[in-house]
Amino acid sequence: MTAGEFRHNPETILRLYQACLICLKVPAMRFLIAALLGTASLLSPLSGFAQSSDVEATIQSVDLNDLTLTLDDGKTYKVPEEFNFEGLESGVKVLVFYTEVDGSRVVDDLEIVQ
């Protein structure tokens, strides 16, 4: 193909134009996607930053039906279904590691303090 044929071939010119548009759109699209992902991560709920807290207190009551412990600080802590209640009764001093999930305290770990 000679230079003169290239200039006058509308099909080739159209293909080159479309290729140039794609080359220009790809970096812009990547930038747009990166900006959207960055914004979404900043505006996402802060539950990703949830940290385990701990409290040392004495057990006030144990509810096996509701799977909860109430400590002498007056707060109730939920425990998982597979939780072992052995040795836990009113008056036992414990160290409870918990995470707040949807406004309720969920026990991650529990140690009996001597």
PDB file of N, CA and C in Angstrom:
ATOM      1  N   MET A   1       0.848  -1.166   0.000  1.00  0.00           N
ATOM      2  CA  MET A   1       0.000   0.000   0.000  1.00  0.00           C
ATOM      3  C   MET A   1       0.897   1.234   0.000  1.00  0.00           C
ATOM      4  N   THR A   2       0.624   2.120  -0.865  1.00  0.00           N
ATOM      5  CA  THR A   2       1.426   3.349  -0.943  1.00  0.00           C
ATOM      6  C   THR A   2       0.796   4.430  -0.087  1.00  0.00           C
ATOM      7  N   ALA A   3       1.509   5.508   0.086  1.00  0.00           N
ATOM      8  CA  ALA A   3       1.010   6.614   0.912  1.00  0.00           C
ATOM      9  C   ALA A   3      -0.274   7.183   0.350  1.00  0.00           C
ATOM     10  N   GLY A   4      -0.385   7.259  -0.939  1.00  0.00           N
ATOM     11  CA  GLY A   4      -1.591   7.803  -1.550  1.00  0.00           C
ATOM     12  C   GLY A   4      -2.796   6.903  -1.325  1.00  0.00           C
ATOM     13  N   GLU A   5      -2.566   5.595  -1.383  1.00  0.00           N
ATOM     14  CA  GLU A   5      -3.666   4.657  -1.149  1.00  0.00           C
ATOM     15  C   GLU A   5      -4.134   4.717   0.305  1.00  0.00           C
ATOM     16  N   PHE A   6      -3.168   4.908   1.199  1.00  0.00           N
ATOM     17  CA  PHE A   6      -3.511   4.957   2.620  1.00  0.00           C
ATOM     18  C   PHE A   6      -4.413   6.163   2.935  1.00  0.00           C
ATOM     19  N   ARG A   7      -4.087   7.309   2.359  1.00  0.00           N
ATOM     20  CA  ARG A   7      -4.853   8.516   2.632  1.00  0.00           C
ATOM     21  C   ARG A   7      -6.288   8.421   2.137  1.00  0.00           C
ATOM     22  N   HIS A   8      -6.479   7.671   1.085  1.00  0.00           N
ATOM     23  CA  HIS A   8      -7.796   7.646   0.466  1.00  0.00           C
ATOM     24  C   HIS A   8      -8.598   6.396   0.802  1.00  0.00           C
ATOM     25  N   ASN A   9      -8.107   5.584   1.752  1.00  0.00           N
ATOM     26  CA  ASN A   9      -8.833   4.368   2.118  1.00  0.00           C
ATOM     27  C   ASN A   9      -9.613   4.653   3.401  1.00  0.00           C
ATOM     28  N   PRO A  10     -10.900   4.949   3.311  1.00  0.00           N
ATOM     29  CA  PRO A  10     -11.676   5.321   4.496  1.00  0.00           C
ATOM     30  C   PRO A  10     -11.774   4.197   5.528  1.00  0.00           C
ATOM     31  N   GLU A  11     -11.744   2.966   5.077  1.00  0.00           N
ATOM     32  CA  GLU A  11     -11.845   1.837   6.013  1.00  0.00           C
ATOM     33  C   GLU A  11     -10.616   1.778   6.918  1.00  0.00           C
ATOM     34  N   THR A  12      -9.439   1.976   6.342  1.00  0.00           N
ATOM     35  CA  THR A  12      -8.200   1.962   7.118  1.00  0.00           C
ATOM     36  C   THR A  12      -8.153   3.148   8.076  1.00  0.00           C
ATOM     37  N   ILE A  13      -8.582   4.300   7.591  1.00  0.00           N
ATOM     38  CA  ILE A  13      -8.600   5.496   8.442  1.00  0.00           C
ATOM     39  C   ILE A  13      -9.547   5.297   9.625  1.00  0.00           C
ATOM     40  N   LEU A  14     -10.697   4.686   9.375  1.00  0.00           N
ATOM     41  CA  LEU A  14     -11.657   4.417  10.445  1.00  0.00           C
ATOM     42  C   LEU A  14     -11.078   3.476  11.485  1.00  0.00           C
ATOM     43  N   ARG A  15     -10.390   2.413  11.019  1.00  0.00           N
ATOM     44  CA  ARG A  15      -9.772   1.468  11.961  1.00  0.00           C
ATOM     45  C   ARG A  15      -8.696   2.146  12.810  1.00  0.00           C
ATOM     46  N   LEU A  16      -7.880   2.979  12.192  1.00  0.00           N
ATOM     47  CA  LEU A  16      -6.852   3.701  12.943  1.00  0.00           C
ATOM     48  C   LEU A  16      -7.468   4.663  13.954  1.00  0.00           C
ATOM     49  N   TYR A  17      -8.521   5.333  13.549  1.00  0.00           N
ATOM     50  CA  TYR A  17      -9.223   6.253  14.453  1.00  0.00           C
ATOM     51  C   TYR A  17      -9.792   5.509  15.661  1.00  0.00           C
ATOM     52  N   GLN A  18     -10.415   4.355  15.411  1.00  0.00           N
ATOM     53  CA  GLN A  18     -10.977   3.554  16.504  1.00  0.00           C
ATOM     54  C   GLN A  18      -9.877   3.048  17.426  1.00  0.00           C
ATOM     55  N   ALA A  19      -8.731   2.640  16.864  1.00  0.00           N
ATOM     56  CA  ALA A  19      -7.608   2.171  17.683  1.00  0.00           C
ATOM     57  C   ALA A  19      -7.081   3.304  18.567  1.00  0.00           C
ATOM     58  N   CYS A  20      -7.022   4.509  18.000  1.00  0.00           N
ATOM     59  CA  CYS A  20      -6.556   5.657  18.796  1.00  0.00           C
ATOM     60  C   CYS A  20      -7.530   5.974  19.930  1.00  0.00           C
ATOM     61  N   LEU A  21      -8.817   5.859  19.656  1.00  0.00           N
ATOM     62  CA  LEU A  21      -9.805   6.122  20.704  1.00  0.00           C
ATOM     63  C   LEU A  21      -9.679   5.110  21.833  1.00  0.00           C
ATOM     64  N   ILE A  22      -9.461   3.856  21.475  1.00  0.00           N
ATOM     65  CA  ILE A  22      -9.293   2.820  22.506  1.00  0.00           C
ATOM     66  C   ILE A  22      -8.053   3.107  23.333  1.00  0.00           C
ATOM     67  N   CYS A  23      -6.956   3.497  22.669  1.00  0.00           N
ATOM     68  CA  CYS A  23      -5.710   3.804  23.395  1.00  0.00           C
ATOM     69  C   CYS A  23      -5.903   4.975  24.353  1.00  0.00           C
ATOM     70  N   LEU A  24      -6.727   5.915  23.974  1.00  0.00           N
ATOM     71  CA  LEU A  24      -6.973   7.068  24.843  1.00  0.00           C
ATOM     72  C   LEU A  24      -7.942   6.725  25.968  1.00  0.00           C
ATOM     73  N   LYS A  25      -8.885   5.840  25.728  1.00  0.00           N
ATOM     74  CA  LYS A  25      -9.898   5.506  26.725  1.00  0.00           C
ATOM     75  C   LYS A  25      -9.365   4.595  27.814  1.00  0.00           C
ATOM     76  N   VAL A  26      -8.454   3.683  27.496  1.00  0.00           N
ATOM     77  CA  VAL A  26      -7.973   2.705  28.472  1.00  0.00           C
ATOM     78  C   VAL A  26      -7.317   3.388  29.670  1.00  0.00           C
ATOM     79  N   PRO A  27      -6.342   4.295  29.495  1.00  0.00           N
ATOM     80  CA  PRO A  27      -5.757   4.949  30.680  1.00  0.00           C
ATOM     81  C   PRO A  27      -6.786   5.771  31.453  1.00  0.00           C
ATOM     82  N   ALA A  28      -7.681   6.426  30.738  1.00  0.00           N
ATOM     83  CA  ALA A  28      -8.701   7.215  31.423  1.00  0.00           C
ATOM     84  C   ALA A  28      -9.621   6.313  32.229  1.00  0.00           C
ATOM     85  N   MET A  29      -9.971   5.155  31.660  1.00  0.00           N
ATOM     86  CA  MET A  29     -10.843   4.212  32.358  1.00  0.00           C
ATOM     87  C   MET A  29     -10.136   3.631  33.586  1.00  0.00           C
ATOM     88  N   ARG A  30      -8.856   3.316  33.440  1.00  0.00           N
ATOM     89  CA  ARG A  30      -8.102   2.802  34.591  1.00  0.00           C
ATOM     90  C   ARG A  30      -8.041   3.833  35.710  1.00  0.00           C
ATOM     91  N   PHE A  31      -7.817   5.079  35.347  1.00  0.00           N
ATOM     92  CA  PHE A  31      -7.779   6.144  36.338  1.00  0.00           C
ATOM     93  C   PHE A  31      -9.140   6.280  37.022  1.00  0.00           C
ATOM     94  N   LEU A  32     -10.209   6.233  36.244  1.00  0.00           N
ATOM     95  CA  LEU A  32     -11.557   6.346  36.797  1.00  0.00           C
ATOM     96  C   LEU A  32     -11.863   5.200  37.753  1.00  0.00           C
ATOM     97  N   ILE A  33     -11.503   3.980  37.370  1.00  0.00           N
ATOM     98  CA  ILE A  33     -11.742   2.817  38.239  1.00  0.00           C
ATOM     99  C   ILE A  33     -10.929   2.942  39.520  1.00  0.00           C
ATOM    100  N   ALA A  34      -9.668   3.360  39.415  1.00  0.00           N
ATOM    101  CA  ALA A  34      -8.830   3.530  40.612  1.00  0.00           C
ATOM    102  C   ALA A  34      -9.405   4.602  41.538  1.00  0.00           C
ATOM    103  N   ALA A  35      -9.887   5.692  40.958  1.00  0.00           N
ATOM    104  CA  ALA A  35     -10.478   6.756  41.772  1.00  0.00           C
ATOM    105  C   ALA A  35     -11.751   6.280  42.464  1.00  0.00           C
ATOM    106  N   LEU A  36     -12.581   5.527  41.748  1.00  0.00           N
ATOM    107  CA  LEU A  36     -13.816   5.007  42.356  1.00  0.00           C
ATOM    108  C   LEU A  36     -13.522   4.017  43.470  1.00  0.00           C
ATOM    109  N   LEU A  37     -12.551   3.127  43.266  1.00  0.00           N
ATOM    110  CA  LEU A  37     -12.198   2.170  44.315  1.00  0.00           C
ATOM    111  C   LEU A  37     -11.616   2.872  45.540  1.00  0.00           C
ATOM    112  N   GLY A  38     -10.798   3.880  45.309  1.00  0.00           N
ATOM    113  CA  GLY A  38     -10.245   4.645  46.435  1.00  0.00           C
ATOM    114  C   GLY A  38     -11.328   5.356  47.220  1.00  0.00           C
ATOM    115  N   THR A  39     -12.270   5.961  46.515  1.00  0.00           N
ATOM    116  CA  THR A  39     -13.383   6.642  47.186  1.00  0.00           C
ATOM    117  C   THR A  39     -14.248   5.655  47.946  1.00  0.00           C
ATOM    118  N   ALA A  40     -14.520   4.509  47.343  1.00  0.00           N
ATOM    119  CA  ALA A  40     -15.346   3.503  48.013  1.00  0.00           C
ATOM    120  C   ALA A  40     -14.680   2.995  49.283  1.00  0.00           C
ATOM    121  N   SER A  41     -13.369   2.813  49.244  1.00  0.00           N
ATOM    122  CA  SER A  41     -12.693   2.322  50.448  1.00  0.00           C
ATOM    123  C   SER A  41     -12.708   3.364  51.564  1.00  0.00           C
ATOM    124  N   LEU A  42     -12.670   4.630  51.201  1.00  0.00           N
ATOM    125  CA  LEU A  42     -12.729   5.674  52.222  1.00  0.00           C
ATOM    126  C   LEU A  42     -14.127   5.818  52.814  1.00  0.00           C
ATOM    127  N   LEU A  43     -15.142   5.608  52.006  1.00  0.00           N
ATOM    128  CA  LEU A  43     -16.511   5.798  52.463  1.00  0.00           C
ATOM    129  C   LEU A  43     -17.152   4.526  52.990  1.00  0.00           C
ATOM    130  N   SER A  44     -16.455   3.402  52.923  1.00  0.00           N
ATOM    131  CA  SER A  44     -17.027   2.143  53.398  1.00  0.00           C
ATOM    132  C   SER A  44     -17.180   2.175  54.912  1.00  0.00           C
ATOM    133  N   PRO A  45     -18.082   1.346  55.444  1.00  0.00           N
ATOM    134  CA  PRO A  45     -18.253   1.306  56.899  1.00  0.00           C
ATOM    135  C   PRO A  45     -16.940   0.959  57.589  1.00  0.00           C
ATOM    136  N   LEU A  46     -16.780   1.475  58.762  1.00  0.00           N
ATOM    137  CA  LEU A  46     -15.538   1.273  59.486  1.00  0.00           C
ATOM    138  C   LEU A  46     -15.490  -0.059  60.221  1.00  0.00           C
ATOM    139  N   SER A  47     -16.356  -0.997  59.867  1.00  0.00           N
ATOM    140  CA  SER A  47     -16.352  -2.289  60.538  1.00  0.00           C
ATOM    141  C   SER A  47     -15.059  -3.041  60.279  1.00  0.00           C
ATOM    142  N   GLY A  48     -14.375  -2.704  59.204  1.00  0.00           N
ATOM    143  CA  GLY A  48     -13.087  -3.311  58.932  1.00  0.00           C
ATOM    144  C   GLY A  48     -12.059  -2.954  59.987  1.00  0.00           C
ATOM    145  N   PHE A  49     -12.306  -1.874  60.699  1.00  0.00           N
ATOM    146  CA  PHE A  49     -11.396  -1.441  61.737  1.00  0.00           C
ATOM    147  C   PHE A  49     -11.811  -1.931  63.121  1.00  0.00           C
ATOM    148  N   ALA A  50     -12.770  -2.862  63.154  1.00  0.00           N
ATOM    149  CA  ALA A  50     -13.246  -3.375  64.439  1.00  0.00           C
ATOM    150  C   ALA A  50     -12.096  -4.068  65.156  1.00  0.00           C
ATOM    151  N   GLN A  51     -11.946  -3.738  66.408  1.00  0.00           N
ATOM    152  CA  GLN A  51     -10.879  -4.336  67.188  1.00  0.00           C
ATOM    153  C   GLN A  51     -11.479  -5.034  68.388  1.00  0.00           C
ATOM    154  N   SER A  52     -10.784  -6.030  68.839  1.00  0.00           N
ATOM    155  CA  SER A  52     -11.211  -6.745  70.022  1.00  0.00           C
ATOM    156  C   SER A  52     -10.868  -5.911  71.250  1.00  0.00           C
ATOM    157  N   SER A  53     -11.801  -5.833  72.163  1.00  0.00           N
ATOM    158  CA  SER A  53     -11.580  -5.147  73.435  1.00  0.00           C
ATOM    159  C   SER A  53     -11.602  -6.186  74.536  1.00  0.00           C
ATOM    160  N   ASP A  54     -11.189  -5.792  75.713  1.00  0.00           N
ATOM    161  CA  ASP A  54     -11.241  -6.738  76.822  1.00  0.00           C
ATOM    162  C   ASP A  54     -11.727  -6.040  78.080  1.00  0.00           C
ATOM    163  N   VAL A  55     -12.270  -6.851  78.975  1.00  0.00           N
ATOM    164  CA  VAL A  55     -12.747  -6.355  80.258  1.00  0.00           C
ATOM    165  C   VAL A  55     -12.497  -7.441  81.304  1.00  0.00           C
ATOM    166  N   GLU A  56     -12.051  -7.020  82.463  1.00  0.00           N
ATOM    167  CA  GLU A  56     -11.876  -7.942  83.581  1.00  0.00           C
ATOM    168  C   GLU A  56     -12.980  -7.643  84.585  1.00  0.00           C
ATOM    169  N   ALA A  57     -13.812  -8.646  84.871  1.00  0.00           N
ATOM    170  CA  ALA A  57     -14.961  -8.441  85.756  1.00  0.00           C
ATOM    171  C   ALA A  57     -15.385  -9.775  86.346  1.00  0.00           C
ATOM    172  N   THR A  58     -16.386  -9.709  87.216  1.00  0.00           N
ATOM    173  CA  THR A  58     -16.936 -10.903  87.849  1.00  0.00           C
ATOM    174  C   THR A  58     -18.272 -11.238  87.206  1.00  0.00           C
ATOM    175  N   ILE A  59     -18.489 -12.532  86.982  1.00  0.00           N
ATOM    176  CA  ILE A  59     -19.743 -12.965  86.372  1.00  0.00           C
ATOM    177  C   ILE A  59     -20.883 -12.745  87.359  1.00  0.00           C
ATOM    178  N   GLN A  60     -21.925 -12.082  86.889  1.00  0.00           N
ATOM    179  CA  GLN A  60     -23.108 -11.857  87.700  1.00  0.00           C
ATOM    180  C   GLN A  60     -24.131 -12.963  87.445  1.00  0.00           C
ATOM    181  N   SER A  61     -24.297 -13.326  86.144  1.00  0.00           N
ATOM    182  CA  SER A  61     -25.220 -14.426  85.813  1.00  0.00           C
ATOM    183  C   SER A  61     -24.819 -15.058  84.487  1.00  0.00           C
ATOM    184  N   VAL A  62     -25.217 -16.323  84.331  1.00  0.00           N
ATOM    185  CA  VAL A  62     -24.969 -17.086  83.110  1.00  0.00           C
ATOM    186  C   VAL A  62     -26.316 -17.575  82.597  1.00  0.00           C
ATOM    187  N   ASP A  63     -26.634 -17.285  81.333  1.00  0.00           N
ATOM    188  CA  ASP A  63     -27.892 -17.726  80.732  1.00  0.00           C
ATOM    189  C   ASP A  63     -27.569 -18.709  79.616  1.00  0.00           C
ATOM    190  N   LEU A  64     -27.781 -20.014  79.896  1.00  0.00           N
ATOM    191  CA  LEU A  64     -27.474 -21.059  78.922  1.00  0.00           C
ATOM    192  C   LEU A  64     -28.462 -21.060  77.756  1.00  0.00           C
ATOM    193  N   ASN A  65     -29.694 -20.610  77.982  1.00  0.00           N
ATOM    194  CA  ASN A  65     -30.700 -20.600  76.913  1.00  0.00           C
ATOM    195  C   ASN A  65     -30.423 -19.513  75.882  1.00  0.00           C
ATOM    196  N   ASP A  66     -30.087 -18.313  76.350  1.00  0.00           N
ATOM    197  CA  ASP A  66     -29.811 -17.194  75.438  1.00  0.00           C
ATOM    198  C   ASP A  66     -28.337 -17.111  75.037  1.00  0.00           C
ATOM    199  N   LEU A  67     -27.506 -17.981  75.615  1.00  0.00           N
ATOM    200  CA  LEU A  67     -26.067 -17.996  75.371  1.00  0.00           C
ATOM    201  C   LEU A  67     -25.442 -16.633  75.672  1.00  0.00           C
ATOM    202  N   THR A  68     -25.692 -16.146  76.891  1.00  0.00           N
ATOM    203  CA  THR A  68     -25.153 -14.848  77.299  1.00  0.00           C
ATOM    204  C   THR A  68     -24.535 -14.926  78.680  1.00  0.00           C
ATOM    205  N   LEU A  69     -23.628 -14.010  78.919  1.00  0.00           N
ATOM    206  CA  LEU A  69     -23.028 -13.804  80.242  1.00  0.00           C
ATOM    207  C   LEU A  69     -23.309 -12.356  80.638  1.00  0.00           C
ATOM    208  N   THR A  70     -23.691 -12.149  81.883  1.00  0.00           N
ATOM    209  CA  THR A  70     -23.842 -10.800  82.398  1.00  0.00           C
ATOM    210  C   THR A  70     -22.766 -10.612  83.456  1.00  0.00           C
ATOM    211  N   LEU A  71     -21.983  -9.558  83.283  1.00  0.00           N
ATOM    212  CA  LEU A  71     -20.898  -9.291  84.221  1.00  0.00           C
ATOM    213  C   LEU A  71     -21.316  -8.223  85.219  1.00  0.00           C
ATOM    214  N   ASP A  72     -20.486  -8.026  86.257  1.00  0.00           N
ATOM    215  CA  ASP A  72     -20.837  -7.064  87.295  1.00  0.00           C
ATOM    216  C   ASP A  72     -20.746  -5.621  86.813  1.00  0.00           C
ATOM    217  N   ASP A  73     -20.285  -5.411  85.564  1.00  0.00           N
ATOM    218  CA  ASP A  73     -20.318  -4.059  84.998  1.00  0.00           C
ATOM    219  C   ASP A  73     -21.704  -3.751  84.419  1.00  0.00           C
ATOM    220  N   GLY A  74     -22.622  -4.734  84.508  1.00  0.00           N
ATOM    221  CA  GLY A  74     -23.999  -4.554  84.064  1.00  0.00           C
ATOM    222  C   GLY A  74     -24.213  -4.822  82.585  1.00  0.00           C
ATOM    223  N   LYS A  75     -23.175  -5.197  81.872  1.00  0.00           N
ATOM    224  CA  LYS A  75     -23.293  -5.428  80.438  1.00  0.00           C
ATOM    225  C   LYS A  75     -23.412  -6.916  80.153  1.00  0.00           C
ATOM    226  N   THR A  76     -24.157  -7.218  79.063  1.00  0.00           N
ATOM    227  CA  THR A  76     -24.381  -8.594  78.653  1.00  0.00           C
ATOM    228  C   THR A  76     -23.512  -8.905  77.443  1.00  0.00           C
ATOM    229  N   TYR A  77     -22.927 -10.092  77.429  1.00  0.00           N
ATOM    230  CA  TYR A  77     -22.019 -10.518  76.373  1.00  0.00           C
ATOM    231  C   TYR A  77     -22.553 -11.815  75.765  1.00  0.00           C
ATOM    232  N   LYS A  78     -22.699 -11.833  74.444  1.00  0.00           N
ATOM    233  CA  LYS A  78     -23.155 -13.031  73.736  1.00  0.00           C
ATOM    234  C   LYS A  78     -21.973 -13.949  73.512  1.00  0.00           C
ATOM    235  N   VAL A  79     -22.238 -15.253  73.550  1.00  0.00           N
ATOM    236  CA  VAL A  79     -21.189 -16.240  73.291  1.00  0.00           C
ATOM    237  C   VAL A  79     -21.616 -17.123  72.114  1.00  0.00           C
ATOM    238  N   PRO A  80     -20.657 -17.722  71.397  1.00  0.00           N
ATOM    239  CA  PRO A  80     -21.003 -18.607  70.282  1.00  0.00           C
ATOM    240  C   PRO A  80     -21.695 -19.882  70.764  1.00  0.00           C
ATOM    241  N   GLU A  81     -22.396 -20.546  69.863  1.00  0.00           N
ATOM    242  CA  GLU A  81     -23.135 -21.764  70.226  1.00  0.00           C
ATOM    243  C   GLU A  81     -22.225 -22.854  70.770  1.00  0.00           C
ATOM    244  N   GLU A  82     -21.005 -22.958  70.262  1.00  0.00           N
ATOM    245  CA  GLU A  82     -20.095 -24.019  70.692  1.00  0.00           C
ATOM    246  C   GLU A  82     -19.309 -23.642  71.952  1.00  0.00           C
ATOM    247  N   PHE A  83     -19.712 -22.580  72.630  1.00  0.00           N
ATOM    248  CA  PHE A  83     -19.005 -22.080  73.808  1.00  0.00           C
ATOM    249  C   PHE A  83     -19.105 -23.082  74.960  1.00  0.00           C
ATOM    250  N   ASN A  84     -17.999 -23.282  75.675  1.00  0.00           N
ATOM    251  CA  ASN A  84     -17.939 -24.202  76.806  1.00  0.00           C
ATOM    252  C   ASN A  84     -18.153 -23.408  78.106  1.00  0.00           C
ATOM    253  N   PHE A  85     -19.273 -23.649  78.766  1.00  0.00           N
ATOM    254  CA  PHE A  85     -19.611 -22.934  79.998  1.00  0.00           C
ATOM    255  C   PHE A  85     -19.017 -23.591  81.244  1.00  0.00           C
ATOM    256  N   GLU A  86     -18.214 -24.596  81.081  1.00  0.00           N
ATOM    257  CA  GLU A  86     -17.652 -25.326  82.215  1.00  0.00           C
ATOM    258  C   GLU A  86     -16.842 -24.395  83.115  1.00  0.00           C
ATOM    259  N   GLY A  87     -17.167 -24.374  84.398  1.00  0.00           N
ATOM    260  CA  GLY A  87     -16.468 -23.554  85.378  1.00  0.00           C
ATOM    261  C   GLY A  87     -16.961 -22.122  85.460  1.00  0.00           C
ATOM    262  N   LEU A  88     -17.937 -21.770  84.642  1.00  0.00           N
ATOM    263  CA  LEU A  88     -18.454 -20.400  84.665  1.00  0.00           C
ATOM    264  C   LEU A  88     -19.748 -20.348  85.447  1.00  0.00           C
ATOM    265  N   GLU A  89     -19.720 -19.601  86.521  1.00  0.00           N
ATOM    266  CA  GLU A  89     -20.906 -19.426  87.359  1.00  0.00           C
ATOM    267  C   GLU A  89     -20.812 -18.069  88.028  1.00  0.00           C
ATOM    268  N   SER A  90     -21.860 -17.679  88.663  1.00  0.00           N
ATOM    269  CA  SER A  90     -21.908 -16.390  89.337  1.00  0.00           C
ATOM    270  C   SER A  90     -20.782 -16.293  90.364  1.00  0.00           C
ATOM    271  N   GLY A  91     -20.066 -15.161  90.345  1.00  0.00           N
ATOM    272  CA  GLY A  91     -18.994 -14.935  91.309  1.00  0.00           C
ATOM    273  C   GLY A  91     -17.602 -15.251  90.786  1.00  0.00           C
ATOM    274  N   VAL A  92     -17.489 -15.862  89.620  1.00  0.00           N
ATOM    275  CA  VAL A  92     -16.181 -16.192  89.056  1.00  0.00           C
ATOM    276  C   VAL A  92     -15.633 -14.953  88.338  1.00  0.00           C
ATOM    277  N   LYS A  93     -14.360 -14.629  88.632  1.00  0.00           N
ATOM    278  CA  LYS A  93     -13.726 -13.475  87.995  1.00  0.00           C
ATOM    279  C   LYS A  93     -13.132 -13.923  86.652  1.00  0.00           C
ATOM    280  N   VAL A  94     -13.438 -13.161  85.583  1.00  0.00           N
ATOM    281  CA  VAL A  94     -13.014 -13.541  84.241  1.00  0.00           C
ATOM    282  C   VAL A  94     -12.405 -12.346  83.498  1.00  0.00           C
ATOM    283  N   LEU A  95     -11.618 -12.653  82.496  1.00  0.00           N
ATOM    284  CA  LEU A  95     -11.107 -11.681  81.548  1.00  0.00           C
ATOM    285  C   LEU A  95     -11.762 -12.024  80.218  1.00  0.00           C
ATOM    286  N   VAL A  96     -12.590 -11.117  79.712  1.00  0.00           N
ATOM    287  CA  VAL A  96     -13.374 -11.361  78.498  1.00  0.00           C
ATOM    288  C   VAL A  96     -12.832 -10.505  77.363  1.00  0.00           C
ATOM    289  N   PHE A  97     -12.507 -11.153  76.260  1.00  0.00           N
ATOM    290  CA  PHE A  97     -12.126 -10.461  75.032  1.00  0.00           C
ATOM    291  C   PHE A  97     -13.344 -10.489  74.119  1.00  0.00           C
ATOM    292  N   TYR A  98     -13.782  -9.334  73.654  1.00  0.00           N
ATOM    293  CA  TYR A  98     -15.015  -9.268  72.876  1.00  0.00           C
ATOM    294  C   TYR A  98     -14.882  -8.270  71.731  1.00  0.00           C
ATOM    295  N   THR A  99     -15.797  -8.395  70.785  1.00  0.00           N
ATOM    296  CA  THR A  99     -15.902  -7.473  69.662  1.00  0.00           C
ATOM    297  C   THR A  99     -17.339  -6.996  69.601  1.00  0.00           C
ATOM    298  N   GLU A 100     -17.542  -5.713  69.352  1.00  0.00           N
ATOM    299  CA  GLU A 100     -18.905  -5.191  69.211  1.00  0.00           C
ATOM    300  C   GLU A 100     -19.381  -5.421  67.795  1.00  0.00           C
ATOM    301  N   VAL A 101     -20.500  -6.140  67.659  1.00  0.00           N
ATOM    302  CA  VAL A 101     -21.097  -6.431  66.363  1.00  0.00           C
ATOM    303  C   VAL A 101     -22.558  -6.004  66.416  1.00  0.00           C
ATOM    304  N   ASP A 102     -22.919  -5.052  65.584  1.00  0.00           N
ATOM    305  CA  ASP A 102     -24.297  -4.541  65.523  1.00  0.00           C
ATOM    306  C   ASP A 102     -24.819  -4.125  66.889  1.00  0.00           C
ATOM    307  N   GLY A 103     -23.979  -3.487  67.676  1.00  0.00           N
ATOM    308  CA  GLY A 103     -24.400  -2.954  68.959  1.00  0.00           C
ATOM    309  C   GLY A 103     -24.371  -3.938  70.117  1.00  0.00           C
ATOM    310  N   SER A 104     -24.049  -5.205  69.865  1.00  0.00           N
ATOM    311  CA  SER A 104     -23.964  -6.163  70.973  1.00  0.00           C
ATOM    312  C   SER A 104     -22.539  -6.697  71.075  1.00  0.00           C
ATOM    313  N   ARG A 105     -22.160  -7.026  72.284  1.00  0.00           N
ATOM    314  CA  ARG A 105     -20.799  -7.523  72.547  1.00  0.00           C
ATOM    315  C   ARG A 105     -20.773  -9.038  72.345  1.00  0.00           C
ATOM    316  N   VAL A 106     -19.868  -9.485  71.476  1.00  0.00           N
ATOM    317  CA  VAL A 106     -19.739 -10.906  71.175  1.00  0.00           C
ATOM    318  C   VAL A 106     -18.379 -11.368  71.713  1.00  0.00           C
ATOM    319  N   VAL A 107     -18.389 -12.427  72.533  1.00  0.00           N
ATOM    320  CA  VAL A 107     -17.181 -12.922  73.174  1.00  0.00           C
ATOM    321  C   VAL A 107     -16.316 -13.637  72.139  1.00  0.00           C
ATOM    322  N   ASP A 108     -15.035 -13.199  72.034  1.00  0.00           N
ATOM    323  CA  ASP A 108     -14.053 -13.862  71.186  1.00  0.00           C
ATOM    324  C   ASP A 108     -13.278 -14.899  71.997  1.00  0.00           C
ATOM    325  N   ASP A 109     -12.956 -14.549  73.236  1.00  0.00           N
ATOM    326  CA  ASP A 109     -12.186 -15.431  74.108  1.00  0.00           C
ATOM    327  C   ASP A 109     -12.481 -15.067  75.542  1.00  0.00           C
ATOM    328  N   LEU A 110     -12.301 -16.024  76.426  1.00  0.00           N
ATOM    329  CA  LEU A 110     -12.584 -15.799  77.843  1.00  0.00           C
ATOM    330  C   LEU A 110     -11.581 -16.573  78.677  1.00  0.00           C
ATOM    331  N   GLU A 111     -11.027 -15.935  79.685  1.00  0.00           N
ATOM    332  CA  GLU A 111     -10.095 -16.590  80.599  1.00  0.00           C
ATOM    333  C   GLU A 111     -10.587 -16.402  82.030  1.00  0.00           C
ATOM    334  N   ILE A 112     -10.486 -17.467  82.809  1.00  0.00           N
ATOM    335  CA  ILE A 112     -10.819 -17.366  84.231  1.00  0.00           C
ATOM    336  C   ILE A 112      -9.600 -16.806  84.958  1.00  0.00           C
ATOM    337  N   VAL A 113      -9.816 -15.756  85.774  1.00  0.00           N
ATOM    338  CA  VAL A 113      -8.730 -15.121  86.512  1.00  0.00           C
ATOM    339  C   VAL A 113      -8.704 -15.709  87.914  1.00  0.00           C
ATOM    340  N   GLN A 114      -7.547 -16.132  88.357  1.00  0.00           N
ATOM    341  CA  GLN A 114      -7.420 -16.742  89.704  1.00  0.00           C
ATOM    342  C   GLN A 114      -7.252 -15.690  90.766  1.00  0.00           C
TER     343      GLN A 114
END
